[in-house]
Protein backbone atom coordinates (compact mmCIF):
# COMPACT_ATOMS: atom_id res chain seq x y z
CA MET A 1 -18.30 -23.17 17.12
CA GLY A 2 -16.76 -23.08 13.64
CA LYS A 3 -16.39 -19.70 11.99
CA TYR A 4 -16.63 -19.21 8.23
CA VAL A 5 -16.50 -16.13 6.02
CA VAL A 6 -17.93 -15.55 2.55
CA VAL A 7 -16.61 -12.49 0.68
CA LEU A 8 -18.68 -11.30 -2.28
CA ALA A 9 -16.29 -10.06 -4.96
CA ALA A 10 -17.80 -11.04 -8.31
CA GLY A 11 -19.12 -7.67 -9.53
CA LYS A 12 -17.39 -5.59 -12.17
CA GLY A 13 -18.24 -2.17 -10.74
CA THR A 14 -19.24 -0.18 -13.82
CA ARG A 15 -19.56 3.07 -11.88
CA MET A 16 -15.82 3.07 -11.29
CA LYS A 17 -15.40 3.57 -15.08
CA SER A 18 -12.19 1.57 -14.97
CA LYS A 19 -10.43 -1.31 -16.69
CA LEU A 20 -9.55 -2.55 -13.20
CA TYR A 21 -12.21 -4.62 -11.43
CA LYS A 22 -13.79 -2.74 -8.56
CA VAL A 23 -12.59 -4.79 -5.61
CA LEU A 24 -8.99 -4.53 -6.87
CA HIS A 25 -8.86 -0.74 -6.59
CA GLN A 26 -6.42 0.12 -3.84
CA VAL A 27 -6.94 1.91 -0.55
CA CYS A 28 -3.65 2.84 1.14
CA GLY A 29 -1.60 0.33 -0.81
CA LYS A 30 -3.89 -2.71 -0.68
CA ALA A 31 -6.77 -3.86 -2.86
CA MET A 32 -10.14 -3.27 -1.20
CA VAL A 33 -10.91 -6.98 -1.18
CA GLU A 34 -7.55 -7.70 0.46
CA HIS A 35 -8.43 -5.31 3.30
CA VAL A 36 -11.67 -7.24 3.80
CA VAL A 37 -10.01 -10.66 3.72
CA ASP A 38 -7.20 -9.56 6.05
CA ALA A 39 -9.75 -8.27 8.58
CA ALA A 40 -11.62 -11.58 8.29
CA ARG A 41 -8.46 -13.65 8.70
CA ALA A 42 -7.72 -11.89 11.98
CA VAL A 43 -10.77 -13.56 13.59
CA LYS A 44 -9.23 -16.96 12.69
CA PRO A 45 -12.08 -18.53 10.70
CA SER A 46 -11.84 -22.15 9.61
CA LYS A 47 -12.58 -21.15 6.02
CA ILE A 48 -12.75 -18.01 3.91
CA VAL A 49 -14.45 -18.39 0.54
CA THR A 50 -14.29 -15.48 -1.89
CA ILE A 51 -16.94 -15.44 -4.62
CA VAL A 52 -15.29 -14.34 -7.86
CA GLY A 53 -16.66 -13.52 -11.29
CA HIS A 54 -15.39 -10.57 -13.29
CA GLY A 55 -11.59 -10.53 -13.16
CA ALA A 56 -11.53 -13.82 -11.27
CA GLU A 57 -7.92 -14.60 -12.19
CA ASP A 58 -6.69 -11.20 -11.00
CA VAL A 59 -8.65 -11.39 -7.75
CA GLU A 60 -7.34 -14.89 -7.06
CA LYS A 61 -3.79 -13.70 -7.66
CA VAL A 62 -4.17 -10.91 -5.07
CA LEU A 63 -5.71 -13.25 -2.49
CA ALA A 64 -3.52 -16.29 -3.18
CA GLY A 65 -2.93 -18.24 0.03
CA LYS A 66 -5.50 -16.19 1.95
CA SER A 67 -8.79 -17.57 0.68
CA GLU A 68 -10.56 -20.34 -1.17
CA PHE A 69 -12.60 -19.35 -4.23
CA ALA A 70 -15.95 -20.10 -5.82
CA MET A 71 -16.98 -18.89 -9.27
CA GLN A 72 -20.22 -17.00 -9.97
CA GLU A 73 -20.51 -17.27 -13.73
CA GLU A 74 -23.60 -15.05 -13.91
CA GLN A 75 -24.25 -12.21 -11.48
CA LEU A 76 -27.78 -13.05 -10.34
CA GLY A 77 -27.82 -11.35 -6.95
CA THR A 78 -26.22 -11.60 -3.54
CA GLY A 79 -28.14 -14.74 -2.55
CA HIS A 80 -27.07 -16.45 -5.76
CA ALA A 81 -23.48 -15.40 -5.08
CA VAL A 82 -23.45 -17.04 -1.64
CA MET A 83 -24.97 -20.20 -3.14
CA GLN A 84 -21.76 -20.70 -5.15
CA ALA A 85 -19.94 -21.63 -1.93
CA GLU A 86 -22.30 -24.53 -1.24
CA GLY A 87 -19.73 -27.19 -2.03
CA GLN A 88 -17.26 -25.71 0.46
CA LEU A 89 -19.59 -24.74 3.31
CA ALA A 90 -23.03 -26.39 3.23
CA ALA A 91 -22.08 -29.47 5.25
CA LEU A 92 -20.39 -27.55 8.07
CA GLU A 93 -21.69 -26.59 11.52
CA GLY A 94 -21.07 -23.12 12.93
CA ALA A 95 -21.56 -19.49 11.97
CA THR A 96 -20.97 -17.87 8.58
CA LEU A 97 -20.24 -14.17 8.09
CA VAL A 98 -21.09 -12.68 4.69
CA VAL A 99 -19.42 -9.41 3.66
CA THR A 100 -18.87 -7.61 0.37
CA GLY A 101 -15.38 -7.07 -1.06
CA ASP A 102 -15.89 -3.34 -1.66
CA THR A 103 -16.06 -2.40 2.05
CA PRO A 104 -12.39 -1.96 2.99
CA LEU A 105 -12.93 -0.13 6.29
CA PHE A 106 -14.41 -2.93 8.36
CA THR A 107 -12.09 -3.95 11.19
CA SER A 108 -11.37 -7.36 12.63
CA GLU A 109 -12.70 -6.08 15.98
CA THR A 110 -16.10 -5.43 14.42
CA PHE A 111 -16.20 -8.90 12.85
CA GLU A 112 -15.18 -10.47 16.16
CA LYS A 113 -17.91 -8.62 18.06
CA LEU A 114 -20.50 -9.60 15.44
CA PHE A 115 -19.61 -13.30 15.76
CA ALA A 116 -19.69 -13.04 19.56
CA TYR A 117 -23.06 -11.25 19.65
CA HIS A 118 -24.56 -13.72 17.19
CA GLU A 119 -23.51 -16.66 19.37
CA GLU A 120 -24.52 -15.05 22.68
CA GLU A 121 -28.01 -14.21 21.39
CA GLY A 122 -28.55 -17.63 19.83
CA ASN A 123 -29.61 -16.00 16.55
CA ALA A 124 -30.20 -17.79 13.29
CA ALA A 125 -29.25 -14.55 11.57
CA THR A 126 -27.66 -11.32 12.80
CA VAL A 127 -27.52 -8.14 10.74
CA LEU A 128 -24.61 -5.76 11.27
CA THR A 129 -26.14 -2.28 11.56
CA ALA A 130 -25.05 1.27 12.27
CA GLU A 131 -26.60 4.63 13.09
CA ALA A 132 -26.31 6.81 9.98
CA PRO A 133 -26.26 10.62 10.28
CA ASP A 134 -28.07 10.73 6.94
CA PRO A 135 -29.70 7.36 6.23
CA PHE A 136 -31.03 8.31 2.78
CA GLY A 137 -30.50 5.48 0.30
CA TYR A 138 -29.83 2.80 2.94
CA GLY A 139 -32.07 -0.07 3.96
CA ARG A 140 -33.67 0.73 7.36
CA ILE A 141 -33.74 -1.75 10.23
CA ILE A 142 -37.31 -2.10 11.53
CA ARG A 143 -37.55 -3.66 15.01
CA ASP A 144 -40.45 -4.67 17.24
CA ASP A 145 -40.96 -3.44 20.80
CA GLN A 146 -38.56 -6.09 22.13
CA GLY A 147 -35.82 -5.02 19.74
CA ASN A 148 -36.14 -8.01 17.46
CA VAL A 149 -35.55 -7.33 13.77
CA LEU A 150 -38.78 -7.53 11.81
CA ARG A 151 -37.52 -6.57 8.38
CA ILE A 152 -35.20 -4.38 6.34
CA VAL A 153 -37.04 -1.67 4.42
CA GLU A 154 -35.38 -0.20 1.34
CA GLN A 155 -35.52 3.53 0.65
CA LYS A 156 -37.91 3.20 -2.28
CA ASP A 157 -40.32 0.97 -0.33
CA GLY A 158 -40.37 2.66 3.08
CA LYS A 159 -43.32 4.39 4.69
CA PRO A 160 -42.70 7.91 6.02
CA GLU A 161 -42.39 6.73 9.65
CA GLU A 162 -40.04 3.93 8.61
CA LEU A 163 -37.79 6.27 6.67
CA LYS A 164 -37.27 8.32 9.84
CA VAL A 165 -35.31 5.38 11.29
CA LYS A 166 -31.56 6.03 11.26
CA GLU A 167 -30.39 2.49 11.97
CA ILE A 168 -29.27 1.08 8.63
CA ASN A 169 -28.22 -2.23 7.11
CA THR A 170 -24.45 -2.30 6.46
CA GLY A 171 -24.78 -5.32 4.14
CA VAL A 172 -22.89 -7.62 6.53
CA PHE A 173 -24.64 -10.66 8.00
CA CYS A 174 -23.84 -13.52 10.34
CA PHE A 175 -25.84 -16.74 9.94
CA ASP A 176 -26.11 -20.10 11.57
CA ASN A 177 -24.54 -22.03 8.73
CA GLN A 178 -27.13 -24.80 8.51
CA ASP A 179 -30.03 -22.33 8.73
CA LEU A 180 -28.41 -20.24 5.97
CA TRP A 181 -28.19 -23.09 3.48
CA ALA A 182 -31.68 -24.34 4.25
CA ALA A 183 -33.10 -20.85 3.70
CA LEU A 184 -31.09 -20.19 0.52
CA LYS A 185 -32.90 -23.10 -1.12
CA GLN A 186 -36.16 -21.22 -0.61
CA VAL A 187 -34.99 -17.86 -2.01
CA GLY A 188 -36.71 -16.99 -5.28
CA ASN A 189 -36.12 -14.37 -7.94
CA ASP A 190 -39.66 -13.04 -8.29
CA ASN A 191 -38.66 -9.38 -8.23
CA SER A 192 -38.10 -6.53 -10.66
CA GLN A 193 -34.42 -7.43 -11.11
CA GLY A 194 -34.96 -11.18 -11.45
CA GLU A 195 -32.25 -11.75 -8.85
CA TYR A 196 -31.83 -13.87 -5.72
CA TYR A 197 -31.38 -11.57 -2.72
CA LEU A 198 -29.53 -12.58 0.43
CA THR A 199 -31.77 -10.28 2.49
CA ASP A 200 -34.72 -12.58 1.66
CA VAL A 201 -33.09 -15.17 3.93
CA LEU A 202 -33.97 -13.02 6.97
CA GLU A 203 -37.70 -13.10 6.21
CA ILE A 204 -37.60 -16.83 5.48
CA LEU A 205 -35.91 -17.53 8.80
CA ARG A 206 -38.27 -15.27 10.75
CA LYS A 207 -41.32 -16.94 9.26
CA ALA A 208 -39.83 -20.30 10.23
CA GLY A 209 -39.76 -19.13 13.84
CA LYS A 210 -36.02 -18.57 13.92
CA LYS A 211 -34.53 -15.66 15.84
CA VAL A 212 -33.24 -12.77 13.72
CA GLY A 213 -31.27 -10.05 15.49
CA ALA A 214 -29.03 -7.06 14.81
CA TYR A 215 -25.73 -5.89 16.24
CA LYS A 216 -25.25 -2.12 16.02
CA MET A 217 -21.62 -1.12 15.62
CA PRO A 218 -20.53 2.27 17.01
CA ASP A 219 -18.60 3.61 13.98
CA PHE A 220 -20.79 4.20 10.94
CA SER A 221 -17.77 5.09 8.76
CA GLU A 222 -16.63 1.44 8.73
CA SER A 223 -19.62 0.53 6.62
CA LEU A 224 -18.66 2.73 3.66
CA GLY A 225 -19.10 0.79 0.43
CA VAL A 226 -17.06 1.92 -2.55
CA ASN A 227 -18.98 2.17 -5.82
CA ASP A 228 -17.25 5.13 -7.49
CA ARG A 229 -14.08 7.20 -7.37
CA ILE A 230 -15.61 9.68 -4.91
CA ALA A 231 -16.27 6.94 -2.37
CA LEU A 232 -12.81 5.49 -3.07
CA ALA A 233 -11.22 8.81 -2.13
CA GLU A 234 -13.32 9.01 1.03
CA ALA A 235 -12.38 5.44 2.02
CA THR A 236 -8.73 6.31 1.47
CA ARG A 237 -9.06 9.44 3.63
CA ILE A 238 -10.64 7.51 6.50
CA MET A 239 -8.18 4.62 6.24
CA GLN A 240 -5.22 7.03 6.10
CA ARG A 241 -6.35 8.80 9.24
CA ARG A 242 -6.73 5.41 10.97
CA ILE A 243 -3.23 4.32 9.88
CA ASN A 244 -1.55 7.56 10.91
CA GLU A 245 -3.30 7.67 14.28
CA GLY A 246 -2.11 4.12 14.91
CA HIS A 247 1.50 5.13 14.26
CA MET A 248 1.13 8.19 16.49
CA ARG A 249 -0.15 6.02 19.34
CA ASP A 250 2.99 3.91 18.86
CA GLY A 251 5.28 6.92 19.31
CA VAL A 252 5.72 8.32 15.80
CA THR A 253 5.47 12.10 15.33
CA PHE A 254 3.51 13.44 12.35
CA ILE A 255 3.94 17.16 11.69
CA ASP A 256 0.84 17.24 9.45
CA PRO A 257 -1.00 13.88 9.50
CA ALA A 258 -3.50 15.00 6.87
CA THR A 259 -0.78 15.22 4.21
CA ALA A 260 1.30 12.16 5.13
CA TYR A 261 0.36 9.18 2.94
CA ILE A 262 1.35 5.93 4.63
CA ASP A 263 0.34 2.53 3.24
CA ALA A 264 -1.34 -0.07 5.44
CA ASP A 265 1.64 -2.45 5.69
CA VAL A 266 4.30 0.17 6.53
CA GLU A 267 6.13 -0.18 9.85
CA ILE A 268 7.66 2.84 11.62
CA GLY A 269 9.71 2.91 14.83
CA ASN A 270 9.13 5.24 17.75
CA ASP A 271 10.59 8.76 17.93
CA THR A 272 10.69 8.99 14.16
CA VAL A 273 9.39 12.26 12.73
CA ILE A 274 7.33 12.33 9.52
CA GLU A 275 6.81 15.76 7.96
CA GLY A 276 3.88 16.71 5.74
CA GLY A 277 3.92 15.83 2.06
CA VAL A 278 5.59 12.45 2.64
CA THR A 279 4.55 9.23 0.87
CA ILE A 280 5.61 5.83 2.26
CA LYS A 281 4.36 2.81 0.33
CA GLY A 282 4.38 -0.96 0.14
CA HIS A 283 6.16 -3.05 2.77
CA THR A 284 8.55 -0.33 3.88
CA VAL A 285 10.08 -0.63 7.36
CA ILE A 286 11.49 2.50 9.02
CA GLY A 287 13.43 2.36 12.27
CA SER A 288 13.46 4.65 15.30
CA ASP A 289 14.81 8.21 15.60
CA CYS A 290 14.55 8.93 11.88
CA LEU A 291 13.56 12.16 10.13
CA ILE A 292 11.64 11.97 6.86
CA THR A 293 11.18 15.46 5.45
CA SER A 294 8.53 16.83 3.12
CA GLY A 295 8.70 15.76 -0.51
CA SER A 296 10.14 12.33 0.28
CA ARG A 297 8.78 9.14 -1.28
CA ILE A 298 9.82 5.72 0.05
CA VAL A 299 8.65 2.49 -1.58
CA ASP A 300 9.27 -1.11 -0.42
CA SER A 301 12.49 -0.16 1.37
CA GLN A 302 14.27 -0.82 4.66
CA ILE A 303 15.34 2.26 6.61
CA GLY A 304 17.47 1.77 9.75
CA ASN A 305 17.63 3.77 12.97
CA GLY A 306 18.74 7.39 13.07
CA VAL A 307 18.36 7.93 9.32
CA THR A 308 17.58 11.28 7.71
CA VAL A 309 15.80 11.37 4.37
CA THR A 310 15.55 14.90 3.00
CA SER A 311 13.14 15.40 0.09
CA SER A 312 14.32 12.28 -1.73
CA THR A 313 12.96 9.16 -3.44
CA ILE A 314 13.89 5.65 -2.27
CA GLU A 315 12.73 2.53 -4.11
CA GLU A 316 13.37 -1.10 -3.09
CA SER A 317 16.57 -0.15 -1.29
CA ILE A 318 18.21 -0.38 2.11
CA MET A 319 19.62 2.44 4.23
CA GLU A 320 21.40 1.19 7.33
CA ASP A 321 21.65 2.99 10.68
CA ASN A 322 22.86 6.60 10.89
CA THR A 323 22.87 7.26 7.16
CA ASP A 324 21.43 10.28 5.39
CA ILE A 325 20.34 11.28 1.91
CA GLY A 326 19.23 14.41 0.12
CA PRO A 327 17.84 16.76 -0.73
CA ASN A 328 16.63 15.73 -4.18
CA SER A 329 18.43 12.40 -4.43
CA HIS A 330 17.20 9.03 -5.69
CA LEU A 331 17.87 5.45 -4.60
CA ARG A 332 16.73 3.14 -7.37
CA PRO A 333 16.14 -0.58 -6.78
CA LYS A 334 18.87 -2.65 -5.10
CA ALA A 335 20.79 0.23 -3.59
CA LEU A 336 22.45 -0.59 -0.28
CA ILE A 337 23.68 2.31 1.82
CA LYS A 338 25.86 1.02 4.65
CA ARG A 339 26.06 2.37 8.19
CA GLY A 340 27.20 5.99 8.51
CA ALA A 341 27.29 6.72 4.77
CA HIS A 342 26.32 10.15 3.48
CA LEU A 343 24.57 10.93 0.19
CA GLY A 344 24.06 14.61 -0.50
CA ASN A 345 21.97 16.46 -3.04
CA PHE A 346 21.25 15.22 -6.57
CA VAL A 347 22.84 11.80 -6.06
CA GLU A 348 21.42 8.77 -7.88
CA VAL A 349 22.33 5.23 -6.85
CA LYS A 350 21.16 2.10 -8.66
CA LYS A 351 22.06 -1.53 -7.91
CA ALA A 352 25.09 -0.39 -5.96
CA GLU A 353 26.54 -0.64 -2.47
CA ILE A 354 27.88 2.43 -0.70
CA GLY A 355 30.21 1.34 2.12
CA GLU A 356 30.35 2.46 5.73
CA ASN A 357 31.12 6.16 6.27
CA THR A 358 31.59 6.73 2.55
CA LYS A 359 30.58 10.19 1.35
CA VAL A 360 28.93 10.89 -1.99
CA GLY A 361 28.34 14.61 -1.72
CA HIS A 362 26.46 15.82 -4.78
CA LEU A 363 25.63 15.60 -8.47
CA THR A 364 26.78 11.99 -8.83
CA TYR A 365 25.52 8.79 -10.47
CA VAL A 366 26.58 5.44 -9.01
CA GLY A 367 25.27 2.44 -10.90
CA ASP A 368 26.29 -1.24 -10.78
CA ALA A 369 29.11 -0.62 -8.33
CA THR A 370 30.51 -1.66 -4.97
CA LEU A 371 32.13 1.10 -2.95
CA GLY A 372 34.08 0.23 0.19
CA LYS A 373 34.21 2.22 3.41
CA ASP A 374 35.62 5.69 4.12
CA ILE A 375 35.66 6.73 0.45
CA ASN A 376 35.24 10.32 -0.68
CA VAL A 377 33.41 10.75 -3.99
CA GLY A 378 33.72 14.27 -5.39
CA CYS A 379 31.12 16.37 -7.15
CA GLY A 380 29.90 15.33 -10.59
CA VAL A 381 31.33 11.80 -10.64
CA ILE A 382 29.77 9.29 -13.05
CA PHE A 383 29.99 5.52 -12.89
CA SER A 384 29.55 4.73 -16.59
CA ASN A 385 28.12 1.22 -16.42
CA PHE A 386 26.37 0.72 -19.78
CA ASP A 387 28.02 0.30 -23.17
CA GLY A 388 24.75 0.36 -25.08
CA VAL A 389 24.32 -3.41 -24.97
CA LYS A 390 25.41 -4.70 -21.55
CA LYS A 391 25.90 -3.32 -18.07
CA PHE A 392 29.17 -3.79 -16.20
CA HIS A 393 30.34 -3.52 -12.59
CA THR A 394 32.93 -1.31 -10.91
CA THR A 395 34.53 -1.91 -7.52
CA VAL A 396 36.21 0.83 -5.45
CA GLY A 397 38.30 -0.12 -2.41
CA ASP A 398 38.34 1.34 1.09
CA LYS A 399 39.70 4.83 1.83
CA SER A 400 39.96 5.77 -1.83
CA PHE A 401 39.48 9.26 -3.23
CA ILE A 402 37.58 9.99 -6.45
CA GLY A 403 38.10 13.53 -7.66
CA ALA A 404 35.34 15.80 -8.90
CA GLY A 405 34.12 15.44 -12.46
CA SER A 406 35.63 11.99 -12.96
CA THR A 407 34.07 9.22 -15.03
CA LEU A 408 34.72 5.56 -14.17
CA VAL A 409 34.06 3.42 -17.25
CA SER A 410 33.03 -0.07 -16.13
CA PRO A 411 34.26 -2.73 -15.72
CA ILE A 412 37.22 -1.60 -13.59
CA ASN A 413 38.64 -2.17 -10.12
CA VAL A 414 39.99 0.66 -8.01
CA ALA A 415 42.05 -0.69 -5.11
CA ASP A 416 42.14 0.46 -1.48
CA HIS A 417 43.83 3.80 -0.81
CA ALA A 418 43.80 4.75 -4.51
CA PHE A 419 43.46 8.31 -5.83
CA ILE A 420 41.70 9.46 -8.98
CA ALA A 421 42.52 12.98 -10.07
CA ALA A 422 39.69 15.38 -10.78
CA ASP A 423 38.13 15.33 -14.24
CA SER A 424 39.71 12.00 -15.17
CA THR A 425 38.14 9.37 -17.40
CA ILE A 426 39.25 6.04 -15.94
CA THR A 427 39.14 2.99 -18.20
CA LYS A 428 41.78 0.79 -16.52
CA ASP A 429 42.24 -0.66 -13.05
CA VAL A 430 43.94 1.51 -10.44
CA GLY A 431 46.30 -0.18 -7.95
CA LYS A 432 46.73 0.34 -4.22
CA TYR A 433 48.28 3.69 -3.30
CA GLU A 434 48.32 4.72 -6.98
CA MET A 435 46.99 7.99 -8.34
CA ALA A 436 45.34 7.86 -11.76
CA ILE A 437 45.30 10.95 -13.96
CA ALA A 438 43.43 10.57 -17.24
CA ARG A 439 42.89 13.96 -18.83
CA GLY A 440 44.50 16.23 -21.38
CA ARG A 441 47.58 18.12 -20.12
CA GLN A 442 46.96 21.86 -19.63
CA VAL A 443 48.72 24.16 -22.13
CA ASN A 444 48.74 27.97 -21.68
CA LYS A 445 49.21 29.99 -24.93
CA GLU A 446 51.04 33.22 -24.11
CA ASP A 447 49.66 36.51 -25.44
CA TYR A 448 46.78 34.66 -27.14
CA TRP A 449 44.37 37.52 -26.48
CA HIS A 450 46.27 39.89 -28.73
CA LYS A 451 46.33 37.39 -31.60
CA LEU A 452 42.55 37.42 -31.96
CA PRO A 453 41.24 39.25 -35.07
CA LEU A 454 39.52 42.56 -34.34
CA SER A 455 36.30 43.86 -35.86
CA GLU A 456 36.24 47.33 -37.42
CA ASP A 457 34.87 49.03 -34.32
CA GLU A 458 37.15 47.25 -31.82
CA GLU A 459 40.63 47.99 -30.64
CA TRP A 460 42.76 46.38 -27.96
CA LYS A 461 42.96 48.21 -24.70
């Protein structure tokens, strides 16, 4: 049986009060609609069609390569939205799942079970339902004595006994594809909103003698739809707990999972320890046996095995095995920290390579530079790479020594085994085994203290 998915993502979402279209708001590093499409892709459907409208170009950019698209020029209801996929789906045999793009918590397992139940029961339509602790505001699932779905009753239309029902409509449906398109042609808009409702398809199918059923999923929280910032925060909280628990099951230690913010696509090796107050974003990969301490932020970076990150920020950079950084240091994009290197406190590295076992202890800026292995960089060193117009590169050879307080004015080359005396400003290349001293010579003025003019109430002791 062919599987197809329609994702409804055309609404603007005015209650978000945002310039960003609703389905593009992120939950744990991914747009809500991308969470939905990724969950759908995991069940290996033959087609995914996303219905776009407001912000169509931006939505298509996020989902490029993951979905086909159909445009809903006017938002005339959920039934009307599905109709826009007619050209892509109407001729196909199989089952079609319809889900909204603002429900980021649905899992691929739930979609798989819904497809399976729909096929096993031989339903024309299957509603995905859940038991709600407080069903107020949700459409209630009304069944007959045999458990067949009779109708969905909305809050405003329900009778007192119907409103006592806690089984609710999650807004996700699975249809026999041919039955769906035949029924959609009969959906009208004779209602207070003048819209075409997808839920009307259920009544049309039932009246035609088709079987309409419901699959009740065990976890109500998956069905959370995001319509405002409060729901967005709740979806993020639930998703974050799910992500962190997954890492813990895979052997990662979280000291305080509630305050560790890990994006959905982050990978972390076993026996790594994540303290509270840590943020790891994007497509970051962290190896095994690492320690990431509180106050650290890592974005789109590769962290090897046995790495310690102490209260530091790392962006689009690579730290190889057995390196360490911090506290309070910053790797800006394109920093490469080679195996065994040490970066201490208040060190900033940008578009530079720090070689194996090289030590950059503290209070140093390294920009646009290549440092070899086994180098010692003293306190307060500056790689001066920008002349106000262009940036230039500096290379420092293996086993060199750069004294504290020195400034290397790019572009220069410092050879292997070279020495730079403390507090030097280096503007020329330094050869192998050479020591460069570039500072004013010290002069001591004898008896200078006694030559100072005295005020009326002072005398020399």
